[in-house]
Amino acid sequence: MNVIDITLDNAQQYVIDESFKRPVLVDFWADWCGPCKTLMPLLEKLADEYNGEFLLARINADEQQMLASQFQVRSLPTVMLIKDGQPLDGFTGAQSEVQVRQMLEQHLPKAWERDLQQAQGMLEAGQFGEALPVLQRVYEESGRNPQIACMVAHAQVELNRLEEAEATLANVKLADQDTLYEQVKAKIELKKQAAKTPEIESLEQALEADPDNLETRYKLAVQYNQEGYQKPALELLIEVLRKDLGYADGAARKTLTDIIAALGKGDPLAIEYQRKLFTLLY
């Protein structure tokens, strides 16, 4: 519901109580008021456009004189923005669409703020893969908010993308390094300490001794992926394919494309390595 007519019977529910859930834009009007008839269609249009981000509550000041008196309405039209039971902003007289929009945008959540709430729900549900691309987009749209940077890094840590998490945290300035920052940083260190299985350590040592050995490189990539470390796995596979595009009868290429598919189309890591593969192929 985007628009409602208010009477004494429903004023408490839809003006006061509703304002604790979302802003309520109260429009006091009357049939004889010319500017009211100009303003009301504009407010109705905006209510539909914002699609529930605020409730437009229309009050006929002639029919609801007690409400008009309670809100101390002295002239028409009078518009008030109510939030958490209190008037937050407003105006009297007819206003242009630009002016009304400017007032609303000061108090309504920005698009990235709504997406952030969605991503936080995903984090709480343990849906880190789904949350990460949303958080990365929100991070940029928010002007690289340091709190959101820490959320991005948190999701990356849970996905074992430790290098990316470290790079994300490196963007957080010293003055913004709060408790959340320290928690995520500590998680990275703990993950790094527990990351290497004996198989991985053995293969890393073998690769260090013989960097050109494609078989060792491929086996290490497979082990990395099995332990959930997709980025180092993808990088090793790309290096194998640069040397031999058809390595192991196409097994390296298939492993790489399988990892990309598992990450999902919207994942930035998947996009990055899909482009690298495309460059090799074409």
C-alpha atoms as a PDB file:
ATOM      1  CA  MET A   1       0.000   0.000   0.000  1.00  0.00           C
ATOM      2  CA  ASN A   2       1.430   3.366  -1.095  1.00  0.00           C
ATOM      3  CA  VAL A   3      -1.474   5.789  -0.462  1.00  0.00           C
ATOM      4  CA  ILE A   4      -4.197   5.895   2.198  1.00  0.00           C
ATOM      5  CA  ASP A   5      -6.900   8.300   3.349  1.00  0.00           C
ATOM      6  CA  ILE A   6      -6.686   9.076   7.055  1.00  0.00           C
ATOM      7  CA  THR A   7      -9.506   9.477   9.553  1.00  0.00           C
ATOM      8  CA  LEU A   8      -9.575   9.549  13.358  1.00  0.00           C
ATOM      9  CA  ASP A   9     -10.175   5.797  13.304  1.00  0.00           C
ATOM     10  CA  ASN A  10      -6.974   4.877  11.485  1.00  0.00           C
ATOM     11  CA  ALA A  11      -4.668   7.830  12.238  1.00  0.00           C
ATOM     12  CA  GLN A  12      -2.834   6.073  15.074  1.00  0.00           C
ATOM     13  CA  GLN A  13      -2.195   2.993  12.938  1.00  0.00           C
ATOM     14  CA  TYR A  14      -1.161   4.623   9.671  1.00  0.00           C
ATOM     15  CA  VAL A  15       0.388   7.934  10.749  1.00  0.00           C
ATOM     16  CA  ILE A  16       2.095   7.128  14.039  1.00  0.00           C
ATOM     17  CA  ASP A  17       2.595   3.342  14.188  1.00  0.00           C
ATOM     18  CA  GLU A  18       3.479   3.050  10.494  1.00  0.00           C
ATOM     19  CA  SER A  19       6.109   5.778  10.843  1.00  0.00           C
ATOM     20  CA  PHE A  20       8.213   3.395  12.965  1.00  0.00           C
ATOM     21  CA  LYS A  21       8.361   1.043   9.964  1.00  0.00           C
ATOM     22  CA  ARG A  22       8.831   3.606   7.163  1.00  0.00           C
ATOM     23  CA  PRO A  23       8.451   7.376   6.699  1.00  0.00           C
ATOM     24  CA  VAL A  24       4.877   8.643   6.373  1.00  0.00           C
ATOM     25  CA  LEU A  25       4.247  11.693   4.182  1.00  0.00           C
ATOM     26  CA  VAL A  26       1.088  13.386   5.524  1.00  0.00           C
ATOM     27  CA  ASP A  27      -0.743  15.655   3.096  1.00  0.00           C
ATOM     28  CA  PHE A  28      -3.382  18.003   4.566  1.00  0.00           C
ATOM     29  CA  TRP A  29      -5.717  19.204   1.816  1.00  0.00           C
ATOM     30  CA  ALA A  30      -9.249  20.427   1.101  1.00  0.00           C
ATOM     31  CA  ASP A  31     -11.606  20.425  -1.882  1.00  0.00           C
ATOM     32  CA  TRP A  32     -11.632  24.238  -2.145  1.00  0.00           C
ATOM     33  CA  CYS A  33      -7.808  24.474  -2.126  1.00  0.00           C
ATOM     34  CA  GLY A  34      -6.455  25.030  -5.650  1.00  0.00           C
ATOM     35  CA  PRO A  35      -2.752  24.379  -4.809  1.00  0.00           C
ATOM     36  CA  CYS A  36      -3.830  21.156  -3.054  1.00  0.00           C
ATOM     37  CA  LYS A  37      -5.290  19.853  -6.296  1.00  0.00           C
ATOM     38  CA  THR A  38      -2.005  20.604  -8.063  1.00  0.00           C
ATOM     39  CA  LEU A  39       0.158  19.026  -5.372  1.00  0.00           C
ATOM     40  CA  MET A  40      -1.789  15.853  -4.623  1.00  0.00           C
ATOM     41  CA  PRO A  41      -1.341  14.148  -8.048  1.00  0.00           C
ATOM     42  CA  LEU A  42       2.397  14.854  -7.790  1.00  0.00           C
ATOM     43  CA  LEU A  43       2.595  13.251  -4.339  1.00  0.00           C
ATOM     44  CA  GLU A  44       0.573  10.258  -5.539  1.00  0.00           C
ATOM     45  CA  LYS A  45       2.895   9.845  -8.504  1.00  0.00           C
ATOM     46  CA  LEU A  46       5.959   9.880  -6.243  1.00  0.00           C
ATOM     47  CA  ALA A  47       4.356   7.432  -3.810  1.00  0.00           C
ATOM     48  CA  ASP A  48       3.822   4.986  -6.669  1.00  0.00           C
ATOM     49  CA  GLU A  49       7.300   5.586  -8.048  1.00  0.00           C
ATOM     50  CA  TYR A  50       8.998   4.988  -4.699  1.00  0.00           C
ATOM     51  CA  ASN A  51       6.830   1.879  -4.387  1.00  0.00           C
ATOM     52  CA  GLY A  52       6.342   1.625  -0.653  1.00  0.00           C
ATOM     53  CA  GLU A  53       9.464   3.358   0.604  1.00  0.00           C
ATOM     54  CA  PHE A  54       7.108   5.855   2.201  1.00  0.00           C
ATOM     55  CA  LEU A  55       3.361   5.939   2.826  1.00  0.00           C
ATOM     56  CA  LEU A  56       1.367   8.889   1.513  1.00  0.00           C
ATOM     57  CA  ALA A  57      -1.308   9.646   4.121  1.00  0.00           C
ATOM     58  CA  ARG A  58      -3.993  12.042   2.796  1.00  0.00           C
ATOM     59  CA  ILE A  59      -5.997  14.000   5.361  1.00  0.00           C
ATOM     60  CA  ASN A  60      -8.975  16.128   4.315  1.00  0.00           C
ATOM     61  CA  ALA A  61      -8.566  19.069   6.707  1.00  0.00           C
ATOM     62  CA  ASP A  62     -12.259  20.060   6.449  1.00  0.00           C
ATOM     63  CA  GLU A  63     -13.531  16.584   7.301  1.00  0.00           C
ATOM     64  CA  GLN A  64     -10.817  15.821   9.874  1.00  0.00           C
ATOM     65  CA  GLN A  65     -10.619  19.126  11.719  1.00  0.00           C
ATOM     66  CA  MET A  66      -9.512  17.489  14.969  1.00  0.00           C
ATOM     67  CA  LEU A  67      -6.486  15.935  13.244  1.00  0.00           C
ATOM     68  CA  ALA A  68      -5.659  19.213  11.525  1.00  0.00           C
ATOM     69  CA  SER A  69      -5.808  20.930  14.938  1.00  0.00           C
ATOM     70  CA  GLN A  70      -3.625  18.280  16.578  1.00  0.00           C
ATOM     71  CA  PHE A  71      -0.970  18.767  13.906  1.00  0.00           C
ATOM     72  CA  GLN A  72      -1.332  22.567  14.180  1.00  0.00           C
ATOM     73  CA  VAL A  73      -2.147  23.021  10.510  1.00  0.00           C
ATOM     74  CA  ARG A  74      -2.543  26.732   9.735  1.00  0.00           C
ATOM     75  CA  SER A  75      -2.674  26.749   5.922  1.00  0.00           C
ATOM     76  CA  LEU A  76      -3.244  24.372   3.018  1.00  0.00           C
ATOM     77  CA  PRO A  77      -1.673  22.422   1.598  1.00  0.00           C
ATOM     78  CA  THR A  78       0.523  21.408   4.519  1.00  0.00           C
ATOM     79  CA  VAL A  79       2.801  18.401   4.084  1.00  0.00           C
ATOM     80  CA  MET A  80       4.699  16.705   6.921  1.00  0.00           C
ATOM     81  CA  LEU A  81       7.158  13.839   6.825  1.00  0.00           C
ATOM     82  CA  ILE A  82       6.694  11.714   9.968  1.00  0.00           C
ATOM     83  CA  LYS A  83       9.376   9.292  11.145  1.00  0.00           C
ATOM     84  CA  ASP A  84       9.371   7.322  14.404  1.00  0.00           C
ATOM     85  CA  GLY A  85       6.283   9.183  15.534  1.00  0.00           C
ATOM     86  CA  GLN A  86       7.763  12.672  15.114  1.00  0.00           C
ATOM     87  CA  PRO A  87       7.636  15.317  12.334  1.00  0.00           C
ATOM     88  CA  LEU A  88      10.958  15.176  10.507  1.00  0.00           C
ATOM     89  CA  ASP A  89      10.472  17.655   7.681  1.00  0.00           C
ATOM     90  CA  GLY A  90       7.745  19.325   5.670  1.00  0.00           C
ATOM     91  CA  PHE A  91       6.465  22.359   3.812  1.00  0.00           C
ATOM     92  CA  THR A  92       3.392  24.479   3.202  1.00  0.00           C
ATOM     93  CA  GLY A  93       2.047  25.613  -0.138  1.00  0.00           C
ATOM     94  CA  ALA A  94       2.547  24.051  -3.552  1.00  0.00           C
ATOM     95  CA  GLN A  95       6.046  22.757  -4.361  1.00  0.00           C
ATOM     96  CA  SER A  96       7.664  21.630  -7.579  1.00  0.00           C
ATOM     97  CA  GLU A  97       8.457  17.979  -8.209  1.00  0.00           C
ATOM     98  CA  VAL A  98      12.175  18.735  -7.890  1.00  0.00           C
ATOM     99  CA  GLN A  99      11.665  20.344  -4.474  1.00  0.00           C
ATOM    100  CA  VAL A 100       9.576  17.452  -3.179  1.00  0.00           C
ATOM    101  CA  ARG A 101      12.099  14.914  -4.453  1.00  0.00           C
ATOM    102  CA  GLN A 102      14.943  16.763  -2.776  1.00  0.00           C
ATOM    103  CA  MET A 103      13.128  16.652   0.536  1.00  0.00           C
ATOM    104  CA  LEU A 104      12.346  12.945   0.218  1.00  0.00           C
ATOM    105  CA  GLU A 105      15.865  11.975  -0.826  1.00  0.00           C
ATOM    106  CA  GLN A 106      17.270  13.575   2.309  1.00  0.00           C
ATOM    107  CA  HIS A 107      15.318  11.144   4.468  1.00  0.00           C
ATOM    108  CA  LEU A 108      14.637   7.993   2.443  1.00  0.00           C
ATOM    109  CA  PRO A 109      17.176   5.159   2.257  1.00  0.00           C
ATOM    110  CA  LYS A 110      19.492   5.273  -0.749  1.00  0.00           C
ATOM    111  CA  ALA A 111      19.392   2.321  -3.139  1.00  0.00           C
ATOM    112  CA  TRP A 112      22.695   0.971  -1.856  1.00  0.00           C
ATOM    113  CA  GLU A 113      21.444   1.175   1.733  1.00  0.00           C
ATOM    114  CA  ARG A 114      18.538  -1.112   0.852  1.00  0.00           C
ATOM    115  CA  ASP A 115      20.906  -3.506  -0.901  1.00  0.00           C
ATOM    116  CA  LEU A 116      23.179  -3.436   2.140  1.00  0.00           C
ATOM    117  CA  GLN A 117      20.322  -4.595   4.373  1.00  0.00           C
ATOM    118  CA  GLN A 118      19.683  -7.443   1.954  1.00  0.00           C
ATOM    119  CA  ALA A 119      23.376  -8.415   1.950  1.00  0.00           C
ATOM    120  CA  GLN A 120      23.522  -8.307   5.764  1.00  0.00           C
ATOM    121  CA  GLY A 121      20.661 -10.777   5.847  1.00  0.00           C
ATOM    122  CA  MET A 122      22.595 -13.052   3.517  1.00  0.00           C
ATOM    123  CA  LEU A 123      25.660 -12.860   5.768  1.00  0.00           C
ATOM    124  CA  GLU A 124      23.580 -13.748   8.809  1.00  0.00           C
ATOM    125  CA  ALA A 125      22.154 -16.721   6.899  1.00  0.00           C
ATOM    126  CA  GLY A 126      25.645 -17.874   5.928  1.00  0.00           C
ATOM    127  CA  GLN A 127      25.037 -17.137   2.233  1.00  0.00           C
ATOM    128  CA  PHE A 128      28.488 -15.666   1.688  1.00  0.00           C
ATOM    129  CA  GLY A 129      28.700 -16.418  -2.033  1.00  0.00           C
ATOM    130  CA  GLU A 130      25.418 -14.617  -2.675  1.00  0.00           C
ATOM    131  CA  ALA A 131      26.313 -11.725  -0.380  1.00  0.00           C
ATOM    132  CA  LEU A 132      29.751 -10.984  -1.823  1.00  0.00           C
ATOM    133  CA  PRO A 133      28.805  -9.503  -5.244  1.00  0.00           C
ATOM    134  CA  VAL A 134      26.055  -7.422  -3.611  1.00  0.00           C
ATOM    135  CA  LEU A 135      28.469  -6.113  -0.976  1.00  0.00           C
ATOM    136  CA  GLN A 136      31.135  -5.321  -3.557  1.00  0.00           C
ATOM    137  CA  ARG A 137      28.662  -3.265  -5.572  1.00  0.00           C
ATOM    138  CA  VAL A 138      27.362  -1.532  -2.454  1.00  0.00           C
ATOM    139  CA  TYR A 139      30.943  -0.808  -1.357  1.00  0.00           C
ATOM    140  CA  GLU A 140      31.608   1.154  -4.554  1.00  0.00           C
ATOM    141  CA  GLU A 141      28.205   2.886  -4.575  1.00  0.00           C
ATOM    142  CA  SER A 142      28.662   4.010  -0.969  1.00  0.00           C
ATOM    143  CA  GLY A 143      31.925   5.752  -1.811  1.00  0.00           C
ATOM    144  CA  ARG A 144      33.986   2.913  -0.322  1.00  0.00           C
ATOM    145  CA  ASN A 145      32.516   3.005   3.153  1.00  0.00           C
ATOM    146  CA  PRO A 146      35.064   1.406   5.539  1.00  0.00           C
ATOM    147  CA  GLN A 147      32.401  -0.550   7.446  1.00  0.00           C
ATOM    148  CA  ILE A 148      31.192  -2.098   4.200  1.00  0.00           C
ATOM    149  CA  ALA A 149      34.803  -2.848   3.234  1.00  0.00           C
ATOM    150  CA  CYS A 150      35.055  -4.960   6.378  1.00  0.00           C
ATOM    151  CA  MET A 151      31.824  -6.775   5.447  1.00  0.00           C
ATOM    152  CA  VAL A 152      33.226  -7.488   1.973  1.00  0.00           C
ATOM    153  CA  ALA A 153      36.426  -8.819   3.532  1.00  0.00           C
ATOM    154  CA  HIS A 154      34.395 -10.931   5.971  1.00  0.00           C
ATOM    155  CA  ALA A 155      32.547 -12.611   3.095  1.00  0.00           C
ATOM    156  CA  GLN A 156      35.818 -13.137   1.247  1.00  0.00           C
ATOM    157  CA  VAL A 157      37.385 -14.771   4.307  1.00  0.00           C
ATOM    158  CA  GLU A 158      34.433 -17.135   4.683  1.00  0.00           C
ATOM    159  CA  LEU A 159      34.902 -18.076   1.020  1.00  0.00           C
ATOM    160  CA  ASN A 160      38.646 -18.666   1.623  1.00  0.00           C
ATOM    161  CA  ARG A 161      39.549 -15.788  -0.674  1.00  0.00           C
ATOM    162  CA  LEU A 162      42.204 -14.554   1.716  1.00  0.00           C
ATOM    163  CA  GLU A 163      44.321 -12.546  -0.736  1.00  0.00           C
ATOM    164  CA  GLU A 164      41.266 -10.609  -1.812  1.00  0.00           C
ATOM    165  CA  ALA A 165      40.238 -10.047   1.802  1.00  0.00           C
ATOM    166  CA  GLU A 166      43.673  -8.652   2.624  1.00  0.00           C
ATOM    167  CA  ALA A 167      43.527  -6.366  -0.416  1.00  0.00           C
ATOM    168  CA  THR A 168      40.077  -5.146   0.632  1.00  0.00           C
ATOM    169  CA  LEU A 169      41.192  -4.387   4.184  1.00  0.00           C
ATOM    170  CA  ALA A 170      44.256  -2.552   2.848  1.00  0.00           C
ATOM    171  CA  ASN A 171      41.836   0.141   1.603  1.00  0.00           C
ATOM    172  CA  VAL A 172      40.634   0.871   5.150  1.00  0.00           C
ATOM    173  CA  LYS A 173      42.447   3.892   6.567  1.00  0.00           C
ATOM    174  CA  LEU A 174      44.056   3.749   9.999  1.00  0.00           C
ATOM    175  CA  ALA A 175      41.441   6.071  11.499  1.00  0.00           C
ATOM    176  CA  ASP A 176      38.670   3.690  10.376  1.00  0.00           C
ATOM    177  CA  GLN A 177      40.241   0.483  11.663  1.00  0.00           C
ATOM    178  CA  ASP A 178      37.664  -0.346  14.325  1.00  0.00           C
ATOM    179  CA  THR A 179      36.692  -3.539  16.165  1.00  0.00           C
ATOM    180  CA  LEU A 180      35.085  -5.082  13.070  1.00  0.00           C
ATOM    181  CA  TYR A 181      38.280  -4.445  11.097  1.00  0.00           C
ATOM    182  CA  GLU A 182      40.367  -6.153  13.782  1.00  0.00           C
ATOM    183  CA  GLN A 183      37.986  -9.126  13.908  1.00  0.00           C
ATOM    184  CA  VAL A 184      38.173  -9.699  10.168  1.00  0.00           C
ATOM    185  CA  LYS A 185      41.946  -9.268  10.160  1.00  0.00           C
ATOM    186  CA  ALA A 186      42.254 -11.860  12.926  1.00  0.00           C
ATOM    187  CA  LYS A 187      40.064 -14.279  10.958  1.00  0.00           C
ATOM    188  CA  ILE A 188      42.392 -13.931   7.980  1.00  0.00           C
ATOM    189  CA  GLU A 189      45.413 -14.820  10.099  1.00  0.00           C
ATOM    190  CA  LEU A 190      43.661 -17.824  11.638  1.00  0.00           C
ATOM    191  CA  LYS A 191      42.562 -19.064   8.211  1.00  0.00           C
ATOM    192  CA  LYS A 192      46.078 -18.686   6.836  1.00  0.00           C
ATOM    193  CA  GLN A 193      47.530 -20.673   9.712  1.00  0.00           C
ATOM    194  CA  ALA A 194      45.074 -23.509   9.158  1.00  0.00           C
ATOM    195  CA  ALA A 195      45.062 -23.334   5.389  1.00  0.00           C
ATOM    196  CA  LYS A 196      47.832 -25.650   4.286  1.00  0.00           C
ATOM    197  CA  THR A 197      47.292 -29.387   4.338  1.00  0.00           C
ATOM    198  CA  PRO A 198      50.318 -31.676   4.085  1.00  0.00           C
ATOM    199  CA  GLU A 199      49.388 -32.382   0.456  1.00  0.00           C
ATOM    200  CA  ILE A 200      49.381 -28.669  -0.383  1.00  0.00           C
ATOM    201  CA  GLU A 201      52.659 -28.038   1.412  1.00  0.00           C
ATOM    202  CA  SER A 202      54.295 -30.924  -0.431  1.00  0.00           C
ATOM    203  CA  LEU A 203      53.065 -29.741  -3.823  1.00  0.00           C
ATOM    204  CA  GLU A 204      54.094 -26.140  -3.101  1.00  0.00           C
ATOM    205  CA  GLN A 205      57.605 -27.321  -2.262  1.00  0.00           C
ATOM    206  CA  ALA A 206      57.726 -29.424  -5.420  1.00  0.00           C
ATOM    207  CA  LEU A 207      56.557 -26.495  -7.546  1.00  0.00           C
ATOM    208  CA  GLU A 208      59.106 -24.199  -5.972  1.00  0.00           C
ATOM    209  CA  ALA A 209      61.830 -26.712  -6.867  1.00  0.00           C
ATOM    210  CA  ASP A 210      60.519 -27.155 -10.431  1.00  0.00           C
ATOM    211  CA  PRO A 211      58.402 -24.112 -11.467  1.00  0.00           C
ATOM    212  CA  ASP A 212      57.959 -25.339 -15.050  1.00  0.00           C
ATOM    213  CA  ASN A 213      56.349 -28.632 -14.074  1.00  0.00           C
ATOM    214  CA  LEU A 214      52.787 -28.379 -15.385  1.00  0.00           C
ATOM    215  CA  GLU A 215      51.664 -31.592 -13.698  1.00  0.00           C
ATOM    216  CA  THR A 216      52.660 -30.282 -10.268  1.00  0.00           C
ATOM    217  CA  ARG A 217      51.038 -26.940 -11.014  1.00  0.00           C
ATOM    218  CA  TYR A 218      47.811 -28.644 -12.071  1.00  0.00           C
ATOM    219  CA  LYS A 219      47.721 -30.961  -9.030  1.00  0.00           C
ATOM    220  CA  LEU A 220      48.303 -28.019  -6.713  1.00  0.00           C
ATOM    221  CA  ALA A 221      45.439 -26.141  -8.381  1.00  0.00           C
ATOM    222  CA  VAL A 222      43.145 -29.106  -7.788  1.00  0.00           C
ATOM    223  CA  GLN A 223      44.181 -29.270  -4.116  1.00  0.00           C
ATOM    224  CA  TYR A 224      43.670 -25.537  -3.665  1.00  0.00           C
ATOM    225  CA  ASN A 225      40.184 -25.794  -5.104  1.00  0.00           C
ATOM    226  CA  GLN A 226      39.290 -28.768  -2.906  1.00  0.00           C
ATOM    227  CA  GLU A 227      40.255 -26.729   0.147  1.00  0.00           C
ATOM    228  CA  GLY A 228      38.141 -23.796  -1.041  1.00  0.00           C
ATOM    229  CA  TYR A 229      40.930 -21.480  -2.240  1.00  0.00           C
ATOM    230  CA  GLN A 230      39.546 -20.652  -5.647  1.00  0.00           C
ATOM    231  CA  LYS A 231      41.680 -17.675  -6.633  1.00  0.00           C
ATOM    232  CA  PRO A 232      45.098 -19.372  -6.298  1.00  0.00           C
ATOM    233  CA  ALA A 233      43.596 -22.430  -7.996  1.00  0.00           C
ATOM    234  CA  LEU A 234      42.334 -20.341 -10.924  1.00  0.00           C
ATOM    235  CA  GLU A 235      45.643 -18.521 -11.250  1.00  0.00           C
ATOM    236  CA  LEU A 236      47.583 -21.792 -11.411  1.00  0.00           C
ATOM    237  CA  LEU A 237      45.182 -23.201 -14.001  1.00  0.00           C
ATOM    238  CA  ILE A 238      45.482 -20.090 -16.169  1.00  0.00           C
ATOM    239  CA  GLU A 239      49.271 -20.433 -15.995  1.00  0.00           C
ATOM    240  CA  VAL A 240      48.981 -24.072 -17.088  1.00  0.00           C
ATOM    241  CA  LEU A 241      46.714 -23.113 -20.001  1.00  0.00           C
ATOM    242  CA  ARG A 242      49.103 -20.366 -21.094  1.00  0.00           C
ATOM    243  CA  LYS A 243      51.733 -23.081 -21.542  1.00  0.00           C
ATOM    244  CA  ASP A 244      49.425 -25.764 -22.933  1.00  0.00           C
ATOM    245  CA  LEU A 245      45.814 -24.911 -23.760  1.00  0.00           C
ATOM    246  CA  GLY A 246      44.898 -28.593 -24.133  1.00  0.00           C
ATOM    247  CA  TYR A 247      46.813 -29.845 -21.104  1.00  0.00           C
ATOM    248  CA  ALA A 248      45.783 -33.320 -19.848  1.00  0.00           C
ATOM    249  CA  ASP A 249      43.292 -33.785 -22.687  1.00  0.00           C
ATOM    250  CA  GLY A 250      41.451 -30.610 -21.627  1.00  0.00           C
ATOM    251  CA  ALA A 251      41.261 -31.463 -17.913  1.00  0.00           C
ATOM    252  CA  ALA A 252      42.878 -28.179 -16.818  1.00  0.00           C
ATOM    253  CA  ARG A 253      40.489 -26.142 -18.925  1.00  0.00           C
ATOM    254  CA  LYS A 254      37.491 -28.108 -17.656  1.00  0.00           C
ATOM    255  CA  THR A 255      38.580 -27.677 -14.031  1.00  0.00           C
ATOM    256  CA  LEU A 256      38.924 -23.937 -14.549  1.00  0.00           C
ATOM    257  CA  THR A 257      35.500 -23.598 -16.177  1.00  0.00           C
ATOM    258  CA  ASP A 258      33.935 -25.744 -13.447  1.00  0.00           C
ATOM    259  CA  ILE A 259      35.324 -23.441 -10.752  1.00  0.00           C
ATOM    260  CA  ILE A 260      34.057 -20.389 -12.637  1.00  0.00           C
ATOM    261  CA  ALA A 261      30.605 -21.959 -12.968  1.00  0.00           C
ATOM    262  CA  ALA A 262      30.531 -22.818  -9.256  1.00  0.00           C
ATOM    263  CA  LEU A 263      31.367 -19.211  -8.344  1.00  0.00           C
ATOM    264  CA  GLY A 264      28.378 -17.923 -10.325  1.00  0.00           C
ATOM    265  CA  LYS A 265      27.998 -15.431 -13.173  1.00  0.00           C
ATOM    266  CA  GLY A 266      27.864 -12.324 -11.001  1.00  0.00           C
ATOM    267  CA  ASP A 267      30.970 -13.127  -8.999  1.00  0.00           C
ATOM    268  CA  PRO A 268      33.835 -10.697  -9.757  1.00  0.00           C
ATOM    269  CA  LEU A 269      36.404 -13.506  -9.487  1.00  0.00           C
ATOM    270  CA  ALA A 270      34.448 -15.580 -11.997  1.00  0.00           C
ATOM    271  CA  ILE A 271      34.247 -12.603 -14.357  1.00  0.00           C
ATOM    272  CA  GLU A 272      37.992 -11.927 -14.036  1.00  0.00           C
ATOM    273  CA  TYR A 273      39.036 -15.465 -14.938  1.00  0.00           C
ATOM    274  CA  GLN A 274      36.359 -15.907 -17.580  1.00  0.00           C
ATOM    275  CA  ARG A 275      37.950 -12.920 -19.342  1.00  0.00           C
ATOM    276  CA  LYS A 276      41.434 -14.394 -18.939  1.00  0.00           C
ATOM    277  CA  LEU A 277      40.257 -17.679 -20.434  1.00  0.00           C
ATOM    278  CA  PHE A 278      38.516 -15.849 -23.273  1.00  0.00           C
ATOM    279  CA  THR A 279      41.767 -14.004 -24.029  1.00  0.00           C
ATOM    280  CA  LEU A 280      43.646 -17.301 -24.250  1.00  0.00           C
ATOM    281  CA  LEU A 281      41.016 -18.859 -26.489  1.00  0.00           C
ATOM    282  CA  TYR A 282      40.532 -15.970 -28.889  1.00  0.00           C
END
